[in-house]
Amino acid sequence: MSEMDGRSTFALTPWVRRLIAANAVVYLLTITVFTGSWFFQTFAFTPYTALVQPWTFVTYTFVHGGFLHLAFNMLMLFFFGPAVEERMGGRAFLWYYLFCGLGGAALSFAIALAAPVAPFVGASGAVFGVALAFALNWPDAPILVFPLPVPIKAKWLVLGLAAIDLALAVLPARDGVAHLAHLGGFLFGFLYLRAASLAARVPGAAPRRRTRARARSVQTGAEGGRRRDGSRRPALRPDETIQAKIDRLLDKISATGIDSLTPEERQLLAERSRQLRQH
């Protein structure tokens, strides 16, 4: 991947950077300070004790069993995360990431009601959900996978990973990998994105009202306007006018989807994103 919507491959977005840092810090603590088994017993996800340790539905995603485990998950987040965060927005991306992680635990908990499921840790469920979002937005993006000599399209890579996890979960494989958590991340990620897509096709009256109001502010903001009491409203600064345009475009994306933007509107969003990262 060289660029995605004007973004350098190696440019980390805010929440991707924070999540990688958080996972790295927790791992360092587990090998230097919290080296006892009590730490994993407290924060790993164990289906049979999850109801008395409900925090583990989330905390398990920040704990890893070894450096390679951490490195693999963070490498996937490093490559797939920034483009997805820029497409979704920071807050929505964070909630999506946590929701996919919750999905990994939830599916494992449900399966444990009928079959044994071992305790597990790791961000794989959340990260695989991010990979799914990337593949759905950029299905034909070429991904280099060592040691394969040619790149693989994102859609085939993610579909292949899901198929492998499903097969190994059914067997079941004794490789120490939480394949159910991976599948839970895929499933919850798909449901989240599907629900967001359906919601975007049924715009409510409130978003349309906000869009019209913001459009008027773009048209009248530069020269100012009048308040209800008849006094003159001060003119907007240039960056305020731009922000009004950005808000209007975000409403447009919410109502009709990202594909409805014109090339000029996409360029405006990309430029604004770069400006915010520089501040």
C-alpha atoms as a PDB file:
ATOM      1  CA  MET A   1       0.000   0.000   0.000  1.00  0.00           C
ATOM      2  CA  SER A   2       1.602   3.248  -1.061  1.00  0.00           C
ATOM      3  CA  GLU A   3      -1.164   5.794  -0.427  1.00  0.00           C
ATOM      4  CA  MET A   4      -4.811   5.635   0.566  1.00  0.00           C
ATOM      5  CA  ASP A   5      -6.933   8.754   0.055  1.00  0.00           C
ATOM      6  CA  GLY A   6      -3.842  10.948   0.093  1.00  0.00           C
ATOM      7  CA  ARG A   7      -2.388   9.323   3.228  1.00  0.00           C
ATOM      8  CA  SER A   8       1.137   8.000   3.446  1.00  0.00           C
ATOM      9  CA  THR A   9       1.241   4.305   4.318  1.00  0.00           C
ATOM     10  CA  PHE A  10       3.371   4.953   7.394  1.00  0.00           C
ATOM     11  CA  ALA A  11       1.417   7.955   8.773  1.00  0.00           C
ATOM     12  CA  LEU A  12      -0.283   6.857  11.991  1.00  0.00           C
ATOM     13  CA  THR A  13      -3.611   8.368  12.938  1.00  0.00           C
ATOM     14  CA  PRO A  14      -4.283   9.419  16.552  1.00  0.00           C
ATOM     15  CA  TRP A  15      -6.247   6.436  17.838  1.00  0.00           C
ATOM     16  CA  VAL A  16      -4.142   3.877  16.015  1.00  0.00           C
ATOM     17  CA  ARG A  17      -1.073   5.439  17.651  1.00  0.00           C
ATOM     18  CA  ARG A  18      -2.715   5.386  21.088  1.00  0.00           C
ATOM     19  CA  LEU A  19      -3.901   1.792  20.774  1.00  0.00           C
ATOM     20  CA  ILE A  20      -0.473   0.563  19.694  1.00  0.00           C
ATOM     21  CA  ALA A  21       1.125   2.470  22.565  1.00  0.00           C
ATOM     22  CA  ALA A  22      -1.394   1.110  25.095  1.00  0.00           C
ATOM     23  CA  ASN A  23      -0.824  -2.484  24.000  1.00  0.00           C
ATOM     24  CA  ALA A  24       2.950  -2.019  24.078  1.00  0.00           C
ATOM     25  CA  VAL A  25       2.866  -0.496  27.576  1.00  0.00           C
ATOM     26  CA  VAL A  26       0.690  -3.303  28.942  1.00  0.00           C
ATOM     27  CA  TYR A  27       3.030  -5.893  27.443  1.00  0.00           C
ATOM     28  CA  LEU A  28       6.079  -4.213  28.979  1.00  0.00           C
ATOM     29  CA  LEU A  29       4.338  -4.211  32.360  1.00  0.00           C
ATOM     30  CA  THR A  30       3.585  -7.940  32.087  1.00  0.00           C
ATOM     31  CA  ILE A  31       7.252  -8.781  31.534  1.00  0.00           C
ATOM     32  CA  THR A  32       8.732  -6.339  34.056  1.00  0.00           C
ATOM     33  CA  VAL A  33       6.316  -5.541  36.893  1.00  0.00           C
ATOM     34  CA  PHE A  34       3.185  -7.712  36.765  1.00  0.00           C
ATOM     35  CA  THR A  35       4.931 -11.002  36.066  1.00  0.00           C
ATOM     36  CA  GLY A  36       2.708 -13.213  38.199  1.00  0.00           C
ATOM     37  CA  SER A  37      -0.048 -15.427  36.855  1.00  0.00           C
ATOM     38  CA  TRP A  38      -2.574 -13.327  38.777  1.00  0.00           C
ATOM     39  CA  PHE A  39      -2.408 -10.610  36.116  1.00  0.00           C
ATOM     40  CA  PHE A  40      -3.575 -12.920  33.337  1.00  0.00           C
ATOM     41  CA  GLN A  41      -6.172 -14.501  35.605  1.00  0.00           C
ATOM     42  CA  THR A  42      -7.554 -11.037  36.334  1.00  0.00           C
ATOM     43  CA  PHE A  43      -7.542  -9.523  32.850  1.00  0.00           C
ATOM     44  CA  ALA A  44      -7.635 -12.451  30.389  1.00  0.00           C
ATOM     45  CA  PHE A  45     -11.002 -13.576  29.085  1.00  0.00           C
ATOM     46  CA  THR A  46     -12.209 -16.818  30.643  1.00  0.00           C
ATOM     47  CA  PRO A  47     -15.744 -17.700  29.497  1.00  0.00           C
ATOM     48  CA  TYR A  48     -16.603 -19.588  32.684  1.00  0.00           C
ATOM     49  CA  THR A  49     -15.763 -16.663  34.997  1.00  0.00           C
ATOM     50  CA  ALA A  50     -16.686 -13.805  32.643  1.00  0.00           C
ATOM     51  CA  LEU A  51     -19.943 -12.971  34.436  1.00  0.00           C
ATOM     52  CA  VAL A  52     -18.075 -12.326  37.689  1.00  0.00           C
ATOM     53  CA  GLN A  53     -15.253 -10.555  35.835  1.00  0.00           C
ATOM     54  CA  PRO A  54     -17.185  -8.542  33.229  1.00  0.00           C
ATOM     55  CA  TRP A  55     -14.281  -6.156  32.611  1.00  0.00           C
ATOM     56  CA  THR A  56     -12.455  -8.994  30.872  1.00  0.00           C
ATOM     57  CA  PHE A  57     -14.781  -8.628  27.863  1.00  0.00           C
ATOM     58  CA  VAL A  58     -12.601  -5.590  27.042  1.00  0.00           C
ATOM     59  CA  THR A  59      -9.350  -5.913  28.996  1.00  0.00           C
ATOM     60  CA  TYR A  60      -8.297  -9.141  27.297  1.00  0.00           C
ATOM     61  CA  THR A  61      -7.720  -7.186  24.070  1.00  0.00           C
ATOM     62  CA  PHE A  62      -4.850  -5.241  25.692  1.00  0.00           C
ATOM     63  CA  VAL A  63      -3.011  -8.294  27.052  1.00  0.00           C
ATOM     64  CA  HIS A  64      -0.742 -10.493  24.927  1.00  0.00           C
ATOM     65  CA  GLY A  65       0.899 -13.816  25.541  1.00  0.00           C
ATOM     66  CA  GLY A  66       4.265 -13.010  23.971  1.00  0.00           C
ATOM     67  CA  PHE A  67       6.193 -10.570  21.824  1.00  0.00           C
ATOM     68  CA  LEU A  68       5.341 -12.276  18.512  1.00  0.00           C
ATOM     69  CA  HIS A  69       1.661 -12.297  19.456  1.00  0.00           C
ATOM     70  CA  LEU A  70       1.826  -8.560  20.171  1.00  0.00           C
ATOM     71  CA  ALA A  71       3.909  -7.823  17.062  1.00  0.00           C
ATOM     72  CA  PHE A  72       1.520  -9.627  14.698  1.00  0.00           C
ATOM     73  CA  ASN A  73      -1.561  -7.837  15.997  1.00  0.00           C
ATOM     74  CA  MET A  74       0.060  -4.400  16.099  1.00  0.00           C
ATOM     75  CA  LEU A  75       1.494  -4.866  12.614  1.00  0.00           C
ATOM     76  CA  MET A  76      -2.007  -5.529  11.265  1.00  0.00           C
ATOM     77  CA  LEU A  77      -3.348  -2.516  13.131  1.00  0.00           C
ATOM     78  CA  PHE A  78      -0.448  -0.426  11.788  1.00  0.00           C
ATOM     79  CA  PHE A  79      -1.241  -1.275   8.159  1.00  0.00           C
ATOM     80  CA  PHE A  80      -5.037  -1.401   8.198  1.00  0.00           C
ATOM     81  CA  GLY A  81      -5.964   0.975  11.001  1.00  0.00           C
ATOM     82  CA  PRO A  82      -4.979   4.466   9.756  1.00  0.00           C
ATOM     83  CA  ALA A  83      -7.005   4.302   6.538  1.00  0.00           C
ATOM     84  CA  VAL A  84     -10.041   2.978   8.421  1.00  0.00           C
ATOM     85  CA  GLU A  85      -9.753   5.635  11.130  1.00  0.00           C
ATOM     86  CA  GLU A  86      -9.546   8.397   8.536  1.00  0.00           C
ATOM     87  CA  ARG A  87     -12.600   6.999   6.789  1.00  0.00           C
ATOM     88  CA  MET A  88     -14.666   6.566   9.987  1.00  0.00           C
ATOM     89  CA  GLY A  89     -13.360   9.415  12.130  1.00  0.00           C
ATOM     90  CA  GLY A  90     -11.469   8.983  15.394  1.00  0.00           C
ATOM     91  CA  ARG A  91     -14.312   8.451  17.859  1.00  0.00           C
ATOM     92  CA  ALA A  92     -16.258   6.089  15.590  1.00  0.00           C
ATOM     93  CA  PHE A  93     -13.075   4.119  14.882  1.00  0.00           C
ATOM     94  CA  LEU A  94     -12.361   3.649  18.594  1.00  0.00           C
ATOM     95  CA  TRP A  95     -15.884   2.431  19.279  1.00  0.00           C
ATOM     96  CA  TYR A  96     -15.712   0.108  16.275  1.00  0.00           C
ATOM     97  CA  TYR A  97     -12.380  -1.320  17.458  1.00  0.00           C
ATOM     98  CA  LEU A  98     -13.715  -1.975  20.974  1.00  0.00           C
ATOM     99  CA  PHE A  99     -16.972  -3.377  19.585  1.00  0.00           C
ATOM    100  CA  CYS A 100     -15.083  -5.911  17.459  1.00  0.00           C
ATOM    101  CA  GLY A 101     -12.980  -6.879  20.480  1.00  0.00           C
ATOM    102  CA  LEU A 102     -16.167  -7.323  22.481  1.00  0.00           C
ATOM    103  CA  GLY A 103     -17.465  -9.508  19.662  1.00  0.00           C
ATOM    104  CA  GLY A 104     -14.521 -11.863  20.020  1.00  0.00           C
ATOM    105  CA  ALA A 105     -15.333 -12.364  23.686  1.00  0.00           C
ATOM    106  CA  ALA A 106     -19.092 -12.541  23.144  1.00  0.00           C
ATOM    107  CA  LEU A 107     -18.906 -15.291  20.521  1.00  0.00           C
ATOM    108  CA  SER A 108     -16.498 -17.301  22.655  1.00  0.00           C
ATOM    109  CA  PHE A 109     -18.815 -16.902  25.659  1.00  0.00           C
ATOM    110  CA  ALA A 110     -21.779 -18.141  23.627  1.00  0.00           C
ATOM    111  CA  ILE A 111     -19.867 -21.160  22.277  1.00  0.00           C
ATOM    112  CA  ALA A 112     -18.650 -21.983  25.804  1.00  0.00           C
ATOM    113  CA  LEU A 113     -22.237 -22.696  26.795  1.00  0.00           C
ATOM    114  CA  ALA A 114     -22.081 -25.808  24.603  1.00  0.00           C
ATOM    115  CA  ALA A 115     -18.381 -26.659  24.235  1.00  0.00           C
ATOM    116  CA  PRO A 116     -15.139 -26.043  26.135  1.00  0.00           C
ATOM    117  CA  VAL A 117     -13.366 -22.763  25.343  1.00  0.00           C
ATOM    118  CA  ALA A 118      -9.970 -22.039  26.860  1.00  0.00           C
ATOM    119  CA  PRO A 119      -9.052 -18.635  28.341  1.00  0.00           C
ATOM    120  CA  PHE A 120      -7.399 -16.259  25.879  1.00  0.00           C
ATOM    121  CA  VAL A 121      -5.839 -12.829  25.442  1.00  0.00           C
ATOM    122  CA  GLY A 122      -4.938 -10.570  22.533  1.00  0.00           C
ATOM    123  CA  ALA A 123      -6.236  -7.845  20.247  1.00  0.00           C
ATOM    124  CA  SER A 124      -6.832 -10.210  17.319  1.00  0.00           C
ATOM    125  CA  GLY A 125     -10.625  -9.940  17.354  1.00  0.00           C
ATOM    126  CA  ALA A 126     -10.519  -6.140  17.295  1.00  0.00           C
ATOM    127  CA  VAL A 127      -7.735  -6.038  14.712  1.00  0.00           C
ATOM    128  CA  PHE A 128      -9.440  -8.532  12.424  1.00  0.00           C
ATOM    129  CA  GLY A 129     -12.544  -6.343  12.550  1.00  0.00           C
ATOM    130  CA  VAL A 130     -10.405  -3.409  11.404  1.00  0.00           C
ATOM    131  CA  ALA A 131      -8.997  -5.543   8.581  1.00  0.00           C
ATOM    132  CA  LEU A 132     -12.554  -6.370   7.508  1.00  0.00           C
ATOM    133  CA  ALA A 133     -13.463  -2.666   7.403  1.00  0.00           C
ATOM    134  CA  PHE A 134     -10.400  -2.007   5.258  1.00  0.00           C
ATOM    135  CA  ALA A 135     -11.272  -4.798   2.838  1.00  0.00           C
ATOM    136  CA  LEU A 136     -14.868  -3.588   2.475  1.00  0.00           C
ATOM    137  CA  ASN A 137     -13.757  -0.016   1.755  1.00  0.00           C
ATOM    138  CA  TRP A 138     -10.760  -0.871  -0.454  1.00  0.00           C
ATOM    139  CA  PRO A 139     -11.395  -4.435  -1.669  1.00  0.00           C
ATOM    140  CA  ASP A 140      -8.856  -4.315  -4.508  1.00  0.00           C
ATOM    141  CA  ALA A 141      -5.999  -2.712  -2.569  1.00  0.00           C
ATOM    142  CA  PRO A 142      -2.845  -4.864  -3.073  1.00  0.00           C
ATOM    143  CA  ILE A 143      -1.383  -6.317   0.136  1.00  0.00           C
ATOM    144  CA  LEU A 144       2.089  -7.820   0.242  1.00  0.00           C
ATOM    145  CA  VAL A 145       2.199 -10.929   2.434  1.00  0.00           C
ATOM    146  CA  PHE A 146       5.572 -12.488   3.199  1.00  0.00           C
ATOM    147  CA  PRO A 147       6.770 -14.837   1.705  1.00  0.00           C
ATOM    148  CA  LEU A 148       4.337 -14.707  -1.235  1.00  0.00           C
ATOM    149  CA  PRO A 149       5.977 -13.195  -4.351  1.00  0.00           C
ATOM    150  CA  VAL A 150       2.928 -11.240  -5.506  1.00  0.00           C
ATOM    151  CA  PRO A 151       0.461  -8.996  -3.648  1.00  0.00           C
ATOM    152  CA  ILE A 152      -3.007 -10.207  -2.708  1.00  0.00           C
ATOM    153  CA  LYS A 153      -6.134  -8.086  -2.981  1.00  0.00           C
ATOM    154  CA  ALA A 154      -7.422  -7.047   0.433  1.00  0.00           C
ATOM    155  CA  LYS A 155     -10.785  -8.760  -0.068  1.00  0.00           C
ATOM    156  CA  TRP A 156      -9.176 -12.142  -0.781  1.00  0.00           C
ATOM    157  CA  LEU A 157      -6.720 -11.801   2.090  1.00  0.00           C
ATOM    158  CA  VAL A 158      -9.432 -11.094   4.651  1.00  0.00           C
ATOM    159  CA  LEU A 159     -11.741 -13.752   3.215  1.00  0.00           C
ATOM    160  CA  GLY A 160      -8.897 -16.263   3.382  1.00  0.00           C
ATOM    161  CA  LEU A 161      -8.122 -15.391   7.001  1.00  0.00           C
ATOM    162  CA  ALA A 162     -11.787 -15.805   7.934  1.00  0.00           C
ATOM    163  CA  ALA A 163     -11.981 -19.174   6.152  1.00  0.00           C
ATOM    164  CA  ILE A 164      -8.835 -20.441   7.901  1.00  0.00           C
ATOM    165  CA  ASP A 165     -10.131 -19.350  11.310  1.00  0.00           C
ATOM    166  CA  LEU A 166     -13.480 -21.015  10.671  1.00  0.00           C
ATOM    167  CA  ALA A 167     -11.835 -24.276   9.630  1.00  0.00           C
ATOM    168  CA  LEU A 168      -9.466 -24.316  12.615  1.00  0.00           C
ATOM    169  CA  ALA A 169     -12.276 -23.412  15.018  1.00  0.00           C
ATOM    170  CA  VAL A 170     -14.416 -26.295  13.768  1.00  0.00           C
ATOM    171  CA  LEU A 171     -11.660 -28.936  13.815  1.00  0.00           C
ATOM    172  CA  PRO A 172     -10.716 -27.747  16.549  1.00  0.00           C
ATOM    173  CA  ALA A 173      -6.990 -27.030  16.260  1.00  0.00           C
ATOM    174  CA  ARG A 174      -4.730 -27.274  19.302  1.00  0.00           C
ATOM    175  CA  ASP A 175      -2.453 -24.433  18.263  1.00  0.00           C
ATOM    176  CA  GLY A 176      -3.172 -22.142  21.214  1.00  0.00           C
ATOM    177  CA  VAL A 177      -4.818 -19.522  18.957  1.00  0.00           C
ATOM    178  CA  ALA A 178      -8.241 -18.077  19.846  1.00  0.00           C
ATOM    179  CA  HIS A 179      -9.865 -18.632  16.465  1.00  0.00           C
ATOM    180  CA  LEU A 180     -13.310 -17.998  17.917  1.00  0.00           C
ATOM    181  CA  ALA A 181     -12.187 -14.526  18.992  1.00  0.00           C
ATOM    182  CA  HIS A 182     -11.035 -13.830  15.432  1.00  0.00           C
ATOM    183  CA  LEU A 183     -14.391 -14.954  14.065  1.00  0.00           C
ATOM    184  CA  GLY A 184     -16.233 -12.897  16.666  1.00  0.00           C
ATOM    185  CA  GLY A 185     -14.318  -9.811  15.573  1.00  0.00           C
ATOM    186  CA  PHE A 186     -15.217 -10.498  11.943  1.00  0.00           C
ATOM    187  CA  LEU A 187     -18.880 -11.113  12.779  1.00  0.00           C
ATOM    188  CA  PHE A 188     -19.405  -8.090  15.002  1.00  0.00           C
ATOM    189  CA  GLY A 189     -17.441  -5.918  12.581  1.00  0.00           C
ATOM    190  CA  PHE A 190     -19.672  -6.990   9.728  1.00  0.00           C
ATOM    191  CA  LEU A 191     -22.843  -6.372  11.758  1.00  0.00           C
ATOM    192  CA  TYR A 192     -21.616  -2.939  12.825  1.00  0.00           C
ATOM    193  CA  LEU A 193     -20.719  -1.870   9.295  1.00  0.00           C
ATOM    194  CA  ARG A 194     -23.941  -3.309   7.887  1.00  0.00           C
ATOM    195  CA  ALA A 195     -26.029  -1.432  10.440  1.00  0.00           C
ATOM    196  CA  ALA A 196     -24.129   1.804   9.724  1.00  0.00           C
ATOM    197  CA  SER A 197     -24.673   1.350   5.993  1.00  0.00           C
ATOM    198  CA  LEU A 198     -28.414   0.775   6.434  1.00  0.00           C
ATOM    199  CA  ALA A 199     -28.721   3.761   8.771  1.00  0.00           C
ATOM    200  CA  ALA A 200     -26.965   5.989   6.229  1.00  0.00           C
ATOM    201  CA  ARG A 201     -29.606   5.113   3.626  1.00  0.00           C
ATOM    202  CA  VAL A 202     -32.456   6.321   5.854  1.00  0.00           C
ATOM    203  CA  PRO A 203     -31.553   9.903   6.762  1.00  0.00           C
ATOM    204  CA  GLY A 204     -33.672  11.491   9.457  1.00  0.00           C
ATOM    205  CA  ALA A 205     -35.153  14.956   9.461  1.00  0.00           C
ATOM    206  CA  ALA A 206     -32.708  16.271  12.075  1.00  0.00           C
ATOM    207  CA  PRO A 207     -29.552  15.657  10.008  1.00  0.00           C
ATOM    208  CA  ARG A 208     -31.184  17.382   7.021  1.00  0.00           C
ATOM    209  CA  ARG A 209     -32.005  20.397   9.154  1.00  0.00           C
ATOM    210  CA  ARG A 210     -28.422  20.558  10.388  1.00  0.00           C
ATOM    211  CA  THR A 211     -27.182  20.279   6.824  1.00  0.00           C
ATOM    212  CA  ARG A 212     -29.338  23.182   5.654  1.00  0.00           C
ATOM    213  CA  ALA A 213     -28.305  25.307   8.627  1.00  0.00           C
ATOM    214  CA  ARG A 214     -24.631  24.601   8.062  1.00  0.00           C
ATOM    215  CA  ALA A 215     -24.972  25.242   4.348  1.00  0.00           C
ATOM    216  CA  ARG A 216     -26.456  28.647   5.133  1.00  0.00           C
ATOM    217  CA  SER A 217     -23.570  29.372   7.505  1.00  0.00           C
ATOM    218  CA  VAL A 218     -21.120  28.614   4.685  1.00  0.00           C
ATOM    219  CA  GLN A 219     -22.946  30.971   2.342  1.00  0.00           C
ATOM    220  CA  THR A 220     -23.348  33.840   4.835  1.00  0.00           C
ATOM    221  CA  GLY A 221     -20.512  33.212   7.256  1.00  0.00           C
ATOM    222  CA  ALA A 222     -17.820  35.160   5.402  1.00  0.00           C
ATOM    223  CA  GLU A 223     -19.758  38.429   5.349  1.00  0.00           C
ATOM    224  CA  GLY A 224     -21.599  37.862   8.633  1.00  0.00           C
ATOM    225  CA  GLY A 225     -25.334  38.044   9.236  1.00  0.00           C
ATOM    226  CA  ARG A 226     -27.905  39.350  11.704  1.00  0.00           C
ATOM    227  CA  ARG A 227     -29.028  37.949  15.037  1.00  0.00           C
ATOM    228  CA  ARG A 228     -32.690  37.642  15.952  1.00  0.00           C
ATOM    229  CA  ASP A 229     -32.505  40.959  17.808  1.00  0.00           C
ATOM    230  CA  GLY A 230     -31.351  42.708  14.604  1.00  0.00           C
ATOM    231  CA  SER A 231     -27.710  43.218  15.663  1.00  0.00           C
ATOM    232  CA  ARG A 232     -24.914  42.340  13.272  1.00  0.00           C
ATOM    233  CA  ARG A 233     -23.299  38.917  13.643  1.00  0.00           C
ATOM    234  CA  PRO A 234     -19.492  39.066  13.393  1.00  0.00           C
ATOM    235  CA  ALA A 235     -17.966  37.560  10.271  1.00  0.00           C
ATOM    236  CA  LEU A 236     -16.557  34.050  10.576  1.00  0.00           C
ATOM    237  CA  ARG A 237     -12.848  33.492  10.419  1.00  0.00           C
ATOM    238  CA  PRO A 238     -11.652  31.545   7.349  1.00  0.00           C
ATOM    239  CA  ASP A 239     -11.054  28.386   9.379  1.00  0.00           C
ATOM    240  CA  GLU A 240     -14.582  28.594  10.824  1.00  0.00           C
ATOM    241  CA  THR A 241     -16.020  28.757   7.320  1.00  0.00           C
ATOM    242  CA  ILE A 242     -13.972  25.709   6.343  1.00  0.00           C
ATOM    243  CA  GLN A 243     -15.196  23.851   9.444  1.00  0.00           C
ATOM    244  CA  ALA A 244     -18.777  24.619   8.447  1.00  0.00           C
ATOM    245  CA  LYS A 245     -18.061  23.074   5.057  1.00  0.00           C
ATOM    246  CA  ILE A 246     -16.512  20.045   6.750  1.00  0.00           C
ATOM    247  CA  ASP A 247     -19.603  19.634   8.947  1.00  0.00           C
ATOM    248  CA  ARG A 248     -21.812  19.800   5.867  1.00  0.00           C
ATOM    249  CA  LEU A 249     -19.740  17.106   4.150  1.00  0.00           C
ATOM    250  CA  LEU A 250     -19.915  14.885   7.249  1.00  0.00           C
ATOM    251  CA  ASP A 251     -23.693  15.212   7.223  1.00  0.00           C
ATOM    252  CA  LYS A 252     -23.667  14.313   3.539  1.00  0.00           C
ATOM    253  CA  ILE A 253     -21.604  11.183   4.259  1.00  0.00           C
ATOM    254  CA  SER A 254     -23.982  10.217   7.070  1.00  0.00           C
ATOM    255  CA  ALA A 255     -26.994  10.631   4.793  1.00  0.00           C
ATOM    256  CA  THR A 256     -25.804   9.159   1.496  1.00  0.00           C
ATOM    257  CA  GLY A 257     -22.428   7.516   2.130  1.00  0.00           C
ATOM    258  CA  ILE A 258     -18.813   8.387   1.325  1.00  0.00           C
ATOM    259  CA  ASP A 259     -19.239   7.524  -2.358  1.00  0.00           C
ATOM    260  CA  SER A 260     -21.566  10.491  -2.816  1.00  0.00           C
ATOM    261  CA  LEU A 261     -18.712  12.981  -2.369  1.00  0.00           C
ATOM    262  CA  THR A 262     -17.237  14.702  -5.380  1.00  0.00           C
ATOM    263  CA  PRO A 263     -13.462  14.591  -5.982  1.00  0.00           C
ATOM    264  CA  GLU A 264     -13.226  18.229  -4.790  1.00  0.00           C
ATOM    265  CA  GLU A 265     -15.076  17.385  -1.571  1.00  0.00           C
ATOM    266  CA  ARG A 266     -12.829  14.372  -0.933  1.00  0.00           C
ATOM    267  CA  GLN A 267      -9.792  16.580  -1.449  1.00  0.00           C
ATOM    268  CA  LEU A 268     -11.117  19.110   1.055  1.00  0.00           C
ATOM    269  CA  LEU A 269     -11.588  16.401   3.690  1.00  0.00           C
ATOM    270  CA  ALA A 270      -8.102  15.004   3.054  1.00  0.00           C
ATOM    271  CA  GLU A 271      -6.499  18.451   3.354  1.00  0.00           C
ATOM    272  CA  ARG A 272      -8.384  19.216   6.564  1.00  0.00           C
ATOM    273  CA  SER A 273      -7.312  15.861   8.028  1.00  0.00           C
ATOM    274  CA  ARG A 274      -3.663  16.630   7.286  1.00  0.00           C
ATOM    275  CA  GLN A 275      -3.990  20.086   8.878  1.00  0.00           C
ATOM    276  CA  LEU A 276      -5.451  18.616  12.071  1.00  0.00           C
ATOM    277  CA  ARG A 277      -2.649  16.045  12.353  1.00  0.00           C
ATOM    278  CA  GLN A 278      -0.054  18.804  12.094  1.00  0.00           C
ATOM    279  CA  HIS A 279      -1.497  20.789  15.007  1.00  0.00           C
END
